[in-house]
Every structure is written in C-alpha cells, then in structure tokens.
Amino acid sequence: MSFTGSAERLWKLTCNAPANVWASTVIYTGVVLLITAVWMAVLCWYFIFGLWLVPYRLIRRGQRKRRREDLRHREMLTMMHQMGQQQAPPGSHRMMPPGAY
C-alpha cells in the first residue's frame, strides 16, 4: 500500500494498449483515473491507521528509551561495584599506618 507501488502496478495495464488511438486513449484515461482512485484509498488508509498508530509508536519509543537507560544504569552500577571490590595493589597498605583508615 504505497503511492509508487500502486501506480507502477496499475501502469502495467497500459503495456498491452491497442494501436487504435481512441482505444489507447480510453485505456490511458481509465488507468489514470484508477490510479487517482487508488491513491485516494491509500491516503485514507494512511490517515486512518497512521493516526491510530501514533500513540502506539510514542509508547514503544518511550519503552525503548527506558530500556536503554536501564541498561546504561546497570552497566554503571556494575563498573562501580567492580571498582569498589578491587583490592589495593600489593605494598600500598604499608604506606598508611594501621589506624589511619
């Protein structure tokens, strides 16, 4: 259901147009009118179902953003947790006196 696709499919009807000028004129005119009618149907389809899908698309966009933010937050917490659990390098505990913690 697109403008280009419907026009291409309908225009193929003119490939077998007869050599008679009047007959080919009627065929071309009919195809142009048919394309216009189909385009109006496609436009109505886009308006009706496109407007119905706007809230759905907004909700899904928010869900994707929240999922991405949750993943970043989880990665940051994991890195902070890993850095907090790293042990001090050997020999660094001798620099500070035992009661200086």
Protein backbone atom coordinates (compact mmCIF):
# COMPACT_ATOMS: atom_id res chain seq x y z
CA MET A 1 0.00 0.00 0.00
CA SER A 2 2.12 2.84 -1.31
CA PHE A 3 1.68 5.51 -3.92
CA THR A 4 4.60 4.41 -6.07
CA GLY A 5 3.86 0.70 -5.87
CA SER A 6 0.20 1.08 -6.74
CA ALA A 7 0.96 3.40 -9.66
CA GLU A 8 3.57 1.01 -11.05
CA ARG A 9 1.24 -1.97 -10.81
CA LEU A 10 -1.63 -0.13 -12.45
CA TRP A 11 0.52 1.43 -15.18
CA LYS A 12 1.44 -2.08 -16.34
CA LEU A 13 -2.11 -2.28 -17.68
CA THR A 14 -1.12 0.15 -20.44
CA CYS A 15 1.61 -2.13 -21.83
CA ASN A 16 -0.89 -4.06 -23.94
CA ALA A 17 -2.71 -0.99 -25.28
CA PRO A 18 -4.05 -1.46 -28.79
CA ALA A 19 -2.68 0.52 -31.72
CA ASN A 20 -6.02 2.26 -32.17
CA VAL A 21 -5.72 5.86 -30.95
CA TRP A 22 -9.20 6.02 -29.41
CA ALA A 23 -8.87 2.71 -27.60
CA SER A 24 -5.46 3.56 -26.20
CA THR A 25 -6.77 7.00 -25.12
CA VAL A 26 -9.61 5.32 -23.24
CA ILE A 27 -7.21 2.84 -21.63
CA TYR A 28 -4.73 5.54 -20.56
CA THR A 29 -7.53 7.74 -19.22
CA GLY A 30 -9.02 4.81 -17.33
CA VAL A 31 -5.67 3.89 -15.82
CA VAL A 32 -5.02 7.50 -14.73
CA LEU A 33 -8.47 7.65 -13.12
CA LEU A 34 -7.88 4.28 -11.47
CA ILE A 35 -4.52 5.45 -10.12
CA THR A 36 -6.21 8.56 -8.72
CA ALA A 37 -8.88 6.46 -7.02
CA VAL A 38 -6.32 4.05 -5.58
CA TRP A 39 -4.19 6.94 -4.34
CA MET A 40 -7.21 8.37 -2.53
CA ALA A 41 -7.76 4.97 -0.89
CA VAL A 42 -4.07 4.78 0.11
CA LEU A 43 -4.25 8.31 1.51
CA CYS A 44 -7.32 7.41 3.58
CA TRP A 45 -5.54 4.28 4.79
CA TYR A 46 -2.54 6.34 5.88
CA PHE A 47 -4.71 8.90 7.67
CA ILE A 48 -6.91 6.39 9.48
CA PHE A 49 -4.36 3.78 10.50
CA GLY A 50 -1.45 6.21 10.70
CA LEU A 51 -3.30 8.27 13.30
CA TRP A 52 -4.28 5.14 15.21
CA LEU A 53 -0.61 4.12 15.39
CA VAL A 54 0.76 7.43 16.71
CA PRO A 55 0.07 6.63 20.40
CA TYR A 56 1.46 3.12 19.95
CA ARG A 57 4.65 4.46 18.39
CA LEU A 58 5.09 7.01 21.18
CA ILE A 59 4.63 4.34 23.85
CA ARG A 60 7.09 1.98 22.16
CA ARG A 61 9.62 4.79 21.76
CA GLY A 62 9.39 5.53 25.47
CA GLN A 63 9.83 1.86 26.31
CA ARG A 64 12.95 1.61 24.15
CA LYS A 65 14.43 4.74 25.72
CA ARG A 66 13.74 3.47 29.25
CA ARG A 67 15.24 0.07 28.43
CA ARG A 68 18.39 1.73 27.06
CA GLU A 69 18.67 3.98 30.13
CA ASP A 70 18.20 1.00 32.46
CA LEU A 71 20.96 -0.88 30.65
CA ARG A 72 23.34 2.08 30.94
CA HIS A 73 22.49 2.47 34.62
CA ARG A 74 23.05 -1.23 35.26
CA GLU A 75 26.42 -1.11 33.46
CA MET A 76 27.47 1.90 35.52
CA LEU A 77 26.49 0.20 38.79
CA THR A 78 28.36 -2.94 37.76
CA MET A 79 31.51 -0.93 37.00
CA MET A 80 31.25 0.93 40.31
CA HIS A 81 30.76 -2.34 42.16
CA GLN A 82 33.76 -3.92 40.41
CA MET A 83 35.96 -0.91 41.16
CA GLY A 84 34.89 -0.96 44.80
CA GLN A 85 35.80 -4.62 45.15
CA GLN A 86 39.24 -4.30 43.62
CA GLN A 87 41.91 -4.90 46.19
CA ALA A 88 44.62 -2.36 46.82
CA PRO A 89 47.84 -3.12 44.97
CA PRO A 90 50.43 -5.07 46.96
CA GLY A 91 52.54 -2.87 49.19
CA SER A 92 50.11 0.03 49.33
CA HIS A 93 48.81 -0.94 52.80
CA ARG A 94 52.30 -0.38 54.24
CA MET A 95 52.20 3.31 53.29
CA MET A 96 49.36 4.09 55.65
CA PRO A 97 49.56 3.40 59.36
CA PRO A 98 47.06 0.78 60.62
CA GLY A 99 44.86 3.31 62.46
CA ALA A 100 44.67 5.83 59.58
CA TYR A 101 41.70 4.25 57.88
